[in-house]
Amino acid sequence: MKTLIVITAAAMLLSGCSLFYDAPRIDADYGQAQAKTWERQVAITDYRYAGMTPEGLGGIPAEQIMKVYNQSFGEKPEKEEVFDLGITGGGSM
């Protein structure tokens, strides 16, 4: 019985070591996706489009559109009619 316990404990300890085999590679790659995402979000001042003014909707009309958009979330939805066929699941045979 003691031999079985020792063998089981040794197997558990040795299997635990295999989990840390890839740790240096994982640690080296840690945070690279976040860094790439951050680089895509930061405006680079010497980029080719940095000095250009974007064309589109002006600030005053855009403000009114955003006001309507933001107020649309505060409105309660109207009551919807539900078409019920009277079929329910979970019945017994």
PDB file of N, CA and C in Angstrom:
ATOM      1  N   MET A   1       0.823  -1.190   0.000  1.00  0.00           N
ATOM      2  CA  MET A   1       0.000   0.000   0.000  1.00  0.00           C
ATOM      3  C   MET A   1       0.872   1.261   0.000  1.00  0.00           C
ATOM      4  N   LYS A   2       1.959   1.231   0.808  1.00  0.00           N
ATOM      5  CA  LYS A   2       2.861   2.380   0.859  1.00  0.00           C
ATOM      6  C   LYS A   2       3.555   2.581  -0.479  1.00  0.00           C
ATOM      7  N   THR A   3       3.873   1.487  -1.134  1.00  0.00           N
ATOM      8  CA  THR A   3       4.543   1.573  -2.434  1.00  0.00           C
ATOM      9  C   THR A   3       3.621   2.253  -3.455  1.00  0.00           C
ATOM     10  N   LEU A   4       2.348   1.920  -3.430  1.00  0.00           N
ATOM     11  CA  LEU A   4       1.381   2.515  -4.344  1.00  0.00           C
ATOM     12  C   LEU A   4       1.253   4.017  -4.094  1.00  0.00           C
ATOM     13  N   ILE A   5       1.259   4.412  -2.833  1.00  0.00           N
ATOM     14  CA  ILE A   5       1.168   5.829  -2.496  1.00  0.00           C
ATOM     15  C   ILE A   5       2.416   6.573  -2.965  1.00  0.00           C
ATOM     16  N   VAL A   6       3.593   5.974  -2.776  1.00  0.00           N
ATOM     17  CA  VAL A   6       4.850   6.599  -3.203  1.00  0.00           C
ATOM     18  C   VAL A   6       4.895   6.726  -4.723  1.00  0.00           C
ATOM     19  N   ILE A   7       4.468   5.683  -5.426  1.00  0.00           N
ATOM     20  CA  ILE A   7       4.475   5.722  -6.895  1.00  0.00           C
ATOM     21  C   ILE A   7       3.490   6.783  -7.400  1.00  0.00           C
ATOM     22  N   THR A   8       2.322   6.848  -6.798  1.00  0.00           N
ATOM     23  CA  THR A   8       1.323   7.845  -7.201  1.00  0.00           C
ATOM     24  C   THR A   8       1.827   9.264  -6.937  1.00  0.00           C
ATOM     25  N   ALA A   9       2.433   9.478  -5.780  1.00  0.00           N
ATOM     26  CA  ALA A   9       2.971  10.801  -5.448  1.00  0.00           C
ATOM     27  C   ALA A   9       4.098  11.178  -6.405  1.00  0.00           C
ATOM     28  N   ALA A  10       4.977  10.232  -6.727  1.00  0.00           N
ATOM     29  CA  ALA A  10       6.073  10.505  -7.658  1.00  0.00           C
ATOM     30  C   ALA A  10       5.540  10.828  -9.052  1.00  0.00           C
ATOM     31  N   ALA A  11       4.520  10.092  -9.490  1.00  0.00           N
ATOM     32  CA  ALA A  11       3.934  10.359 -10.809  1.00  0.00           C
ATOM     33  C   ALA A  11       3.299  11.743 -10.844  1.00  0.00           C
ATOM     34  N   MET A  12       2.641  12.130  -9.756  1.00  0.00           N
ATOM     35  CA  MET A  12       2.025  13.455  -9.705  1.00  0.00           C
ATOM     36  C   MET A  12       3.080  14.558  -9.734  1.00  0.00           C
ATOM     37  N   LEU A  13       4.170  14.366  -9.020  1.00  0.00           N
ATOM     38  CA  LEU A  13       5.235  15.370  -9.002  1.00  0.00           C
ATOM     39  C   LEU A  13       5.902  15.493 -10.368  1.00  0.00           C
ATOM     40  N   LEU A  14       6.153  14.361 -11.019  1.00  0.00           N
ATOM     41  CA  LEU A  14       6.798  14.399 -12.325  1.00  0.00           C
ATOM     42  C   LEU A  14       5.870  14.974 -13.393  1.00  0.00           C
ATOM     43  N   SER A  15       4.578  14.718 -13.288  1.00  0.00           N
ATOM     44  CA  SER A  15       3.652  15.289 -14.273  1.00  0.00           C
ATOM     45  C   SER A  15       3.533  16.797 -14.070  1.00  0.00           C
ATOM     46  N   GLY A  16       3.706  17.263 -12.859  1.00  0.00           N
ATOM     47  CA  GLY A  16       3.685  18.696 -12.595  1.00  0.00           C
ATOM     48  C   GLY A  16       4.849  19.408 -13.253  1.00  0.00           C
ATOM     49  N   CYS A  17       5.982  18.765 -13.359  1.00  0.00           N
ATOM     50  CA  CYS A  17       7.142  19.366 -14.008  1.00  0.00           C
ATOM     51  C   CYS A  17       6.904  19.561 -15.497  1.00  0.00           C
ATOM     52  N   SER A  18       6.119  18.703 -16.110  1.00  0.00           N
ATOM     53  CA  SER A  18       5.880  18.833 -17.542  1.00  0.00           C
ATOM     54  C   SER A  18       5.034  20.059 -17.855  1.00  0.00           C
ATOM     55  N   LEU A  19       4.279  20.542 -16.892  1.00  0.00           N
ATOM     56  CA  LEU A  19       3.467  21.745 -17.118  1.00  0.00           C
ATOM     57  C   LEU A  19       4.335  22.981 -17.282  1.00  0.00           C
ATOM     58  N   PHE A  20       5.492  23.003 -16.677  1.00  0.00           N
ATOM     59  CA  PHE A  20       6.357  24.176 -16.704  1.00  0.00           C
ATOM     60  C   PHE A  20       7.400  24.110 -17.813  1.00  0.00           C
ATOM     61  N   TYR A  21       7.320  23.101 -18.676  1.00  0.00           N
ATOM     62  CA  TYR A  21       8.289  22.947 -19.742  1.00  0.00           C
ATOM     63  C   TYR A  21       8.191  24.100 -20.751  1.00  0.00           C
ATOM     64  N   ASP A  22       6.967  24.550 -21.063  1.00  0.00           N
ATOM     65  CA  ASP A  22       6.771  25.623 -22.030  1.00  0.00           C
ATOM     66  C   ASP A  22       6.739  27.005 -21.399  1.00  0.00           C
ATOM     67  N   ALA A  23       6.978  27.111 -20.128  1.00  0.00           N
ATOM     68  CA  ALA A  23       6.860  28.397 -19.437  1.00  0.00           C
ATOM     69  C   ALA A  23       7.779  29.477 -20.009  1.00  0.00           C
ATOM     70  N   PRO A  24       9.046  29.208 -20.333  1.00  0.00           N
ATOM     71  CA  PRO A  24       9.883  30.290 -20.885  1.00  0.00           C
ATOM     72  C   PRO A  24       9.340  30.819 -22.217  1.00  0.00           C
ATOM     73  N   ARG A  25       8.824  29.940 -23.062  1.00  0.00           N
ATOM     74  CA  ARG A  25       8.282  30.378 -24.345  1.00  0.00           C
ATOM     75  C   ARG A  25       7.016  31.202 -24.133  1.00  0.00           C
ATOM     76  N   ILE A  26       6.160  30.762 -23.221  1.00  0.00           N
ATOM     77  CA  ILE A  26       4.928  31.494 -22.928  1.00  0.00           C
ATOM     78  C   ILE A  26       5.254  32.855 -22.329  1.00  0.00           C
ATOM     79  N   ASP A  27       6.225  32.892 -21.434  1.00  0.00           N
ATOM     80  CA  ASP A  27       6.611  34.168 -20.826  1.00  0.00           C
ATOM     81  C   ASP A  27       7.181  35.132 -21.853  1.00  0.00           C
ATOM     82  N   ALA A  28       7.898  34.619 -22.839  1.00  0.00           N
ATOM     83  CA  ALA A  28       8.484  35.486 -23.859  1.00  0.00           C
ATOM     84  C   ALA A  28       7.397  36.106 -24.737  1.00  0.00           C
ATOM     85  N   ASP A  29       6.297  35.383 -24.978  1.00  0.00           N
ATOM     86  CA  ASP A  29       5.211  35.878 -25.826  1.00  0.00           C
ATOM     87  C   ASP A  29       4.164  36.660 -25.045  1.00  0.00           C
ATOM     88  N   TYR A  30       4.275  36.722 -23.746  1.00  0.00           N
ATOM     89  CA  TYR A  30       3.248  37.345 -22.914  1.00  0.00           C
ATOM     90  C   TYR A  30       3.135  38.840 -23.216  1.00  0.00           C
ATOM     91  N   GLY A  31       1.940  39.289 -23.514  1.00  0.00           N
ATOM     92  CA  GLY A  31       1.688  40.704 -23.723  1.00  0.00           C
ATOM     93  C   GLY A  31       1.912  41.206 -25.130  1.00  0.00           C
ATOM     94  N   GLN A  32       2.328  40.352 -26.054  1.00  0.00           N
ATOM     95  CA  GLN A  32       2.595  40.823 -27.412  1.00  0.00           C
ATOM     96  C   GLN A  32       1.316  41.231 -28.131  1.00  0.00           C
ATOM     97  N   ALA A  33       0.230  40.497 -27.938  1.00  0.00           N
ATOM     98  CA  ALA A  33      -1.033  40.852 -28.586  1.00  0.00           C
ATOM     99  C   ALA A  33      -1.539  42.190 -28.066  1.00  0.00           C
ATOM    100  N   GLN A  34      -1.397  42.412 -26.761  1.00  0.00           N
ATOM    101  CA  GLN A  34      -1.838  43.686 -26.187  1.00  0.00           C
ATOM    102  C   GLN A  34      -0.973  44.830 -26.719  1.00  0.00           C
ATOM    103  N   ALA A  35       0.313  44.600 -26.862  1.00  0.00           N
ATOM    104  CA  ALA A  35       1.210  45.642 -27.366  1.00  0.00           C
ATOM    105  C   ALA A  35       0.882  45.986 -28.819  1.00  0.00           C
ATOM    106  N   LYS A  36       0.570  44.979 -29.633  1.00  0.00           N
ATOM    107  CA  LYS A  36       0.212  45.240 -31.030  1.00  0.00           C
ATOM    108  C   LYS A  36      -1.099  46.010 -31.116  1.00  0.00           C
ATOM    109  N   THR A  37      -2.050  45.661 -30.274  1.00  0.00           N
ATOM    110  CA  THR A  37      -3.325  46.375 -30.261  1.00  0.00           C
ATOM    111  C   THR A  37      -3.113  47.824 -29.847  1.00  0.00           C
ATOM    112  N   TRP A  38      -2.286  48.049 -28.868  1.00  0.00           N
ATOM    113  CA  TRP A  38      -2.005  49.410 -28.403  1.00  0.00           C
ATOM    114  C   TRP A  38      -1.333  50.230 -29.503  1.00  0.00           C
ATOM    115  N   GLU A  39      -0.417  49.623 -30.232  1.00  0.00           N
ATOM    116  CA  GLU A  39       0.271  50.333 -31.306  1.00  0.00           C
ATOM    117  C   GLU A  39      -0.704  50.749 -32.403  1.00  0.00           C
ATOM    118  N   ARG A  40      -1.716  49.941 -32.649  1.00  0.00           N
ATOM    119  CA  ARG A  40      -2.697  50.279 -33.683  1.00  0.00           C
ATOM    120  C   ARG A  40      -3.616  51.410 -33.251  1.00  0.00           C
ATOM    121  N   GLN A  41      -3.744  51.651 -31.950  1.00  0.00           N
ATOM    122  CA  GLN A  41      -4.653  52.674 -31.456  1.00  0.00           C
ATOM    123  C   GLN A  41      -3.982  54.030 -31.260  1.00  0.00           C
ATOM    124  N   VAL A  42      -2.693  54.056 -31.117  1.00  0.00           N
ATOM    125  CA  VAL A  42      -1.983  55.300 -30.847  1.00  0.00           C
ATOM    126  C   VAL A  42      -1.790  56.075 -32.150  1.00  0.00           C
ATOM    127  N   ALA A  43      -2.124  57.360 -32.126  1.00  0.00           N
ATOM    128  CA  ALA A  43      -1.935  58.209 -33.304  1.00  0.00           C
ATOM    129  C   ALA A  43      -0.465  58.569 -33.414  1.00  0.00           C
ATOM    130  N   ILE A  44       0.111  58.276 -34.532  1.00  0.00           N
ATOM    131  CA  ILE A  44       1.514  58.581 -34.773  1.00  0.00           C
ATOM    132  C   ILE A  44       1.582  59.950 -35.445  1.00  0.00           C
ATOM    133  N   THR A  45       2.305  60.881 -34.836  1.00  0.00           N
ATOM    134  CA  THR A  45       2.314  62.263 -35.324  1.00  0.00           C
ATOM    135  C   THR A  45       3.013  62.409 -36.678  1.00  0.00           C
ATOM    136  N   ASP A  46       3.942  61.553 -37.011  1.00  0.00           N
ATOM    137  CA  ASP A  46       4.627  61.692 -38.289  1.00  0.00           C
ATOM    138  C   ASP A  46       4.066  60.749 -39.357  1.00  0.00           C
ATOM    139  N   TYR A  47       2.864  60.243 -39.155  1.00  0.00           N
ATOM    140  CA  TYR A  47       2.226  59.369 -40.128  1.00  0.00           C
ATOM    141  C   TYR A  47       1.743  60.199 -41.312  1.00  0.00           C
ATOM    142  N   ARG A  48       1.531  59.585 -42.454  1.00  0.00           N
ATOM    143  CA  ARG A  48       1.231  60.339 -43.670  1.00  0.00           C
ATOM    144  C   ARG A  48      -0.114  61.060 -43.625  1.00  0.00           C
ATOM    145  N   TYR A  49      -1.065  60.610 -42.813  1.00  0.00           N
ATOM    146  CA  TYR A  49      -2.370  61.271 -42.728  1.00  0.00           C
ATOM    147  C   TYR A  49      -2.497  62.152 -41.482  1.00  0.00           C
ATOM    148  N   ALA A  50      -1.447  62.340 -40.739  1.00  0.00           N
ATOM    149  CA  ALA A  50      -1.530  63.053 -39.470  1.00  0.00           C
ATOM    150  C   ALA A  50      -1.896  64.517 -39.647  1.00  0.00           C
ATOM    151  N   GLY A  51      -1.425  65.183 -40.659  1.00  0.00           N
ATOM    152  CA  GLY A  51      -1.692  66.602 -40.835  1.00  0.00           C
ATOM    153  C   GLY A  51      -2.962  66.909 -41.601  1.00  0.00           C
ATOM    154  N   MET A  52      -3.663  65.888 -42.073  1.00  0.00           N
ATOM    155  CA  MET A  52      -4.854  66.113 -42.887  1.00  0.00           C
ATOM    156  C   MET A  52      -6.093  66.246 -41.998  1.00  0.00           C
ATOM    157  N   THR A  53      -7.020  67.084 -42.432  1.00  0.00           N
ATOM    158  CA  THR A  53      -8.293  67.246 -41.731  1.00  0.00           C
ATOM    159  C   THR A  53      -9.295  66.285 -42.349  1.00  0.00           C
ATOM    160  N   PRO A  54      -9.934  65.467 -41.546  1.00  0.00           N
ATOM    161  CA  PRO A  54     -10.888  64.515 -42.108  1.00  0.00           C
ATOM    162  C   PRO A  54     -12.120  65.221 -42.659  1.00  0.00           C
ATOM    163  N   GLU A  55     -12.619  64.726 -43.772  1.00  0.00           N
ATOM    164  CA  GLU A  55     -13.820  65.281 -44.364  1.00  0.00           C
ATOM    165  C   GLU A  55     -15.012  64.505 -43.838  1.00  0.00           C
ATOM    166  N   GLY A  56     -16.116  65.188 -43.691  1.00  0.00           N
ATOM    167  CA  GLY A  56     -17.304  64.512 -43.216  1.00  0.00           C
ATOM    168  C   GLY A  56     -18.236  65.470 -42.534  1.00  0.00           C
ATOM    169  N   LEU A  57     -18.936  64.995 -41.567  1.00  0.00           N
ATOM    170  CA  LEU A  57     -19.948  65.765 -40.866  1.00  0.00           C
ATOM    171  C   LEU A  57     -19.285  66.763 -39.922  1.00  0.00           C
ATOM    172  N   GLY A  58     -19.804  67.986 -39.923  1.00  0.00           N
ATOM    173  CA  GLY A  58     -19.269  69.021 -39.053  1.00  0.00           C
ATOM    174  C   GLY A  58     -19.624  68.767 -37.596  1.00  0.00           C
ATOM    175  N   GLY A  59     -19.006  69.519 -36.712  1.00  0.00           N
ATOM    176  CA  GLY A  59     -19.187  69.305 -35.285  1.00  0.00           C
ATOM    177  C   GLY A  59     -20.578  69.615 -34.768  1.00  0.00           C
ATOM    178  N   ILE A  60     -21.193  70.706 -35.233  1.00  0.00           N
ATOM    179  CA  ILE A  60     -22.511  71.094 -34.721  1.00  0.00           C
ATOM    180  C   ILE A  60     -23.588  70.101 -35.158  1.00  0.00           C
ATOM    181  N   PRO A  61     -23.688  69.708 -36.442  1.00  0.00           N
ATOM    182  CA  PRO A  61     -24.681  68.683 -36.804  1.00  0.00           C
ATOM    183  C   PRO A  61     -24.402  67.338 -36.138  1.00  0.00           C
ATOM    184  N   ALA A  62     -23.151  66.990 -35.997  1.00  0.00           N
ATOM    185  CA  ALA A  62     -22.817  65.718 -35.367  1.00  0.00           C
ATOM    186  C   ALA A  62     -23.247  65.703 -33.909  1.00  0.00           C
ATOM    187  N   GLU A  63     -23.173  66.854 -33.252  1.00  0.00           N
ATOM    188  CA  GLU A  63     -23.581  66.926 -31.855  1.00  0.00           C
ATOM    189  C   GLU A  63     -25.068  66.630 -31.708  1.00  0.00           C
ATOM    190  N   GLN A  64     -25.879  67.170 -32.616  1.00  0.00           N
ATOM    191  CA  GLN A  64     -27.317  66.919 -32.561  1.00  0.00           C
ATOM    192  C   GLN A  64     -27.638  65.453 -32.842  1.00  0.00           C
ATOM    193  N   ILE A  65     -26.934  64.854 -33.771  1.00  0.00           N
ATOM    194  CA  ILE A  65     -27.150  63.437 -34.090  1.00  0.00           C
ATOM    195  C   ILE A  65     -26.771  62.566 -32.900  1.00  0.00           C
ATOM    196  N   MET A  66     -25.664  62.863 -32.251  1.00  0.00           N
ATOM    197  CA  MET A  66     -25.246  62.086 -31.081  1.00  0.00           C
ATOM    198  C   MET A  66     -26.220  62.272 -29.924  1.00  0.00           C
ATOM    199  N   LYS A  67     -26.818  63.449 -29.800  1.00  0.00           N
ATOM    200  CA  LYS A  67     -27.798  63.692 -28.748  1.00  0.00           C
ATOM    201  C   LYS A  67     -29.022  62.807 -28.962  1.00  0.00           C
ATOM    202  N   VAL A  68     -29.525  62.741 -30.198  1.00  0.00           N
ATOM    203  CA  VAL A  68     -30.663  61.872 -30.509  1.00  0.00           C
ATOM    204  C   VAL A  68     -30.300  60.409 -30.280  1.00  0.00           C
ATOM    205  N   TYR A  69     -29.100  60.029 -30.686  1.00  0.00           N
ATOM    206  CA  TYR A  69     -28.651  58.649 -30.513  1.00  0.00           C
ATOM    207  C   TYR A  69     -28.582  58.279 -29.037  1.00  0.00           C
ATOM    208  N   ASN A  70     -28.009  59.142 -28.226  1.00  0.00           N
ATOM    209  CA  ASN A  70     -27.878  58.851 -26.798  1.00  0.00           C
ATOM    210  C   ASN A  70     -29.231  58.837 -26.101  1.00  0.00           C
ATOM    211  N   GLN A  71     -30.166  59.686 -26.528  1.00  0.00           N
ATOM    212  CA  GLN A  71     -31.490  59.697 -25.921  1.00  0.00           C
ATOM    213  C   GLN A  71     -32.299  58.465 -26.302  1.00  0.00           C
ATOM    214  N   SER A  72     -31.971  57.830 -27.405  1.00  0.00           N
ATOM    215  CA  SER A  72     -32.729  56.657 -27.836  1.00  0.00           C
ATOM    216  C   SER A  72     -32.574  55.489 -26.864  1.00  0.00           C
ATOM    217  N   PHE A  73     -31.510  55.486 -26.073  1.00  0.00           N
ATOM    218  CA  PHE A  73     -31.323  54.403 -25.109  1.00  0.00           C
ATOM    219  C   PHE A  73     -32.189  54.590 -23.871  1.00  0.00           C
ATOM    220  N   GLY A  74     -32.680  55.800 -23.635  1.00  0.00           N
ATOM    221  CA  GLY A  74     -33.493  56.061 -22.462  1.00  0.00           C
ATOM    222  C   GLY A  74     -34.970  55.772 -22.673  1.00  0.00           C
ATOM    223  N   GLU A  75     -35.399  55.626 -23.921  1.00  0.00           N
ATOM    224  CA  GLU A  75     -36.807  55.387 -24.195  1.00  0.00           C
ATOM    225  C   GLU A  75     -37.165  53.934 -23.903  1.00  0.00           C
ATOM    226  N   LYS A  76     -38.336  53.759 -23.310  1.00  0.00           N
ATOM    227  CA  LYS A  76     -38.805  52.402 -23.047  1.00  0.00           C
ATOM    228  C   LYS A  76     -39.372  51.823 -24.337  1.00  0.00           C
ATOM    229  N   PRO A  77     -39.106  50.546 -24.584  1.00  0.00           N
ATOM    230  CA  PRO A  77     -39.644  49.943 -25.803  1.00  0.00           C
ATOM    231  C   PRO A  77     -41.167  49.797 -25.710  1.00  0.00           C
ATOM    232  N   GLU A  78     -41.799  49.895 -26.848  1.00  0.00           N
ATOM    233  CA  GLU A  78     -43.239  49.717 -26.891  1.00  0.00           C
ATOM    234  C   GLU A  78     -43.583  48.249 -26.637  1.00  0.00           C
ATOM    235  N   LYS A  79     -44.794  48.023 -26.167  1.00  0.00           N
ATOM    236  CA  LYS A  79     -45.232  46.659 -25.901  1.00  0.00           C
ATOM    237  C   LYS A  79     -45.357  45.919 -27.231  1.00  0.00           C
ATOM    238  N   GLU A  80     -44.803  44.739 -27.276  1.00  0.00           N
ATOM    239  CA  GLU A  80     -44.840  43.947 -28.492  1.00  0.00           C
ATOM    240  C   GLU A  80     -45.889  42.854 -28.358  1.00  0.00           C
ATOM    241  N   GLU A  81     -46.575  42.593 -29.433  1.00  0.00           N
ATOM    242  CA  GLU A  81     -47.548  41.504 -29.458  1.00  0.00           C
ATOM    243  C   GLU A  81     -46.797  40.191 -29.690  1.00  0.00           C
ATOM    244  N   VAL A  82     -47.148  39.189 -28.909  1.00  0.00           N
ATOM    245  CA  VAL A  82     -46.499  37.889 -29.024  1.00  0.00           C
ATOM    246  C   VAL A  82     -47.503  36.913 -29.618  1.00  0.00           C
ATOM    247  N   PHE A  83     -47.118  36.229 -30.670  1.00  0.00           N
ATOM    248  CA  PHE A  83     -47.966  35.238 -31.310  1.00  0.00           C
ATOM    249  C   PHE A  83     -47.679  33.893 -30.657  1.00  0.00           C
ATOM    250  N   ASP A  84     -48.650  33.366 -29.941  1.00  0.00           N
ATOM    251  CA  ASP A  84     -48.472  32.138 -29.192  1.00  0.00           C
ATOM    252  C   ASP A  84     -49.231  31.010 -29.863  1.00  0.00           C
ATOM    253  N   LEU A  85     -48.523  29.943 -30.195  1.00  0.00           N
ATOM    254  CA  LEU A  85     -49.157  28.778 -30.830  1.00  0.00           C
ATOM    255  C   LEU A  85     -49.705  27.800 -29.800  1.00  0.00           C
ATOM    256  N   GLY A  86     -49.395  27.981 -28.534  1.00  0.00           N
ATOM    257  CA  GLY A  86     -49.866  27.075 -27.498  1.00  0.00           C
ATOM    258  C   GLY A  86     -49.090  25.782 -27.435  1.00  0.00           C
ATOM    259  N   ILE A  87     -47.924  25.741 -28.021  1.00  0.00           N
ATOM    260  CA  ILE A  87     -47.090  24.539 -27.990  1.00  0.00           C
ATOM    261  C   ILE A  87     -46.021  24.742 -26.929  1.00  0.00           C
ATOM    262  N   THR A  88     -45.946  23.831 -26.006  1.00  0.00           N
ATOM    263  CA  THR A  88     -44.923  23.916 -24.974  1.00  0.00           C
ATOM    264  C   THR A  88     -44.057  22.672 -25.011  1.00  0.00           C
ATOM    265  N   GLY A  89     -42.808  22.822 -24.630  1.00  0.00           N
ATOM    266  CA  GLY A  89     -41.894  21.697 -24.619  1.00  0.00           C
ATOM    267  C   GLY A  89     -41.874  21.013 -23.269  1.00  0.00           C
ATOM    268  N   GLY A  90     -41.249  19.883 -23.222  1.00  0.00           N
ATOM    269  CA  GLY A  90     -41.076  19.167 -21.948  1.00  0.00           C
ATOM    270  C   GLY A  90     -42.255  18.298 -21.562  1.00  0.00           C
ATOM    271  N   GLY A  91     -43.152  18.070 -22.480  1.00  0.00           N
ATOM    272  CA  GLY A  91     -44.302  17.220 -22.166  1.00  0.00           C
ATOM    273  C   GLY A  91     -43.922  15.745 -22.156  1.00  0.00           C
ATOM    274  N   SER A  92     -44.688  14.955 -21.460  1.00  0.00           N
ATOM    275  CA  SER A  92     -44.396  13.506 -21.424  1.00  0.00           C
ATOM    276  C   SER A  92     -45.202  12.801 -22.486  1.00  0.00           C
ATOM    277  N   MET A  93     -44.725  11.640 -22.905  1.00  0.00           N
ATOM    278  CA  MET A  93     -45.389  10.866 -23.937  1.00  0.00           C
ATOM    279  C   MET A  93     -46.428   9.951 -23.377  1.00  0.00           C
TER     280      MET A  93
END
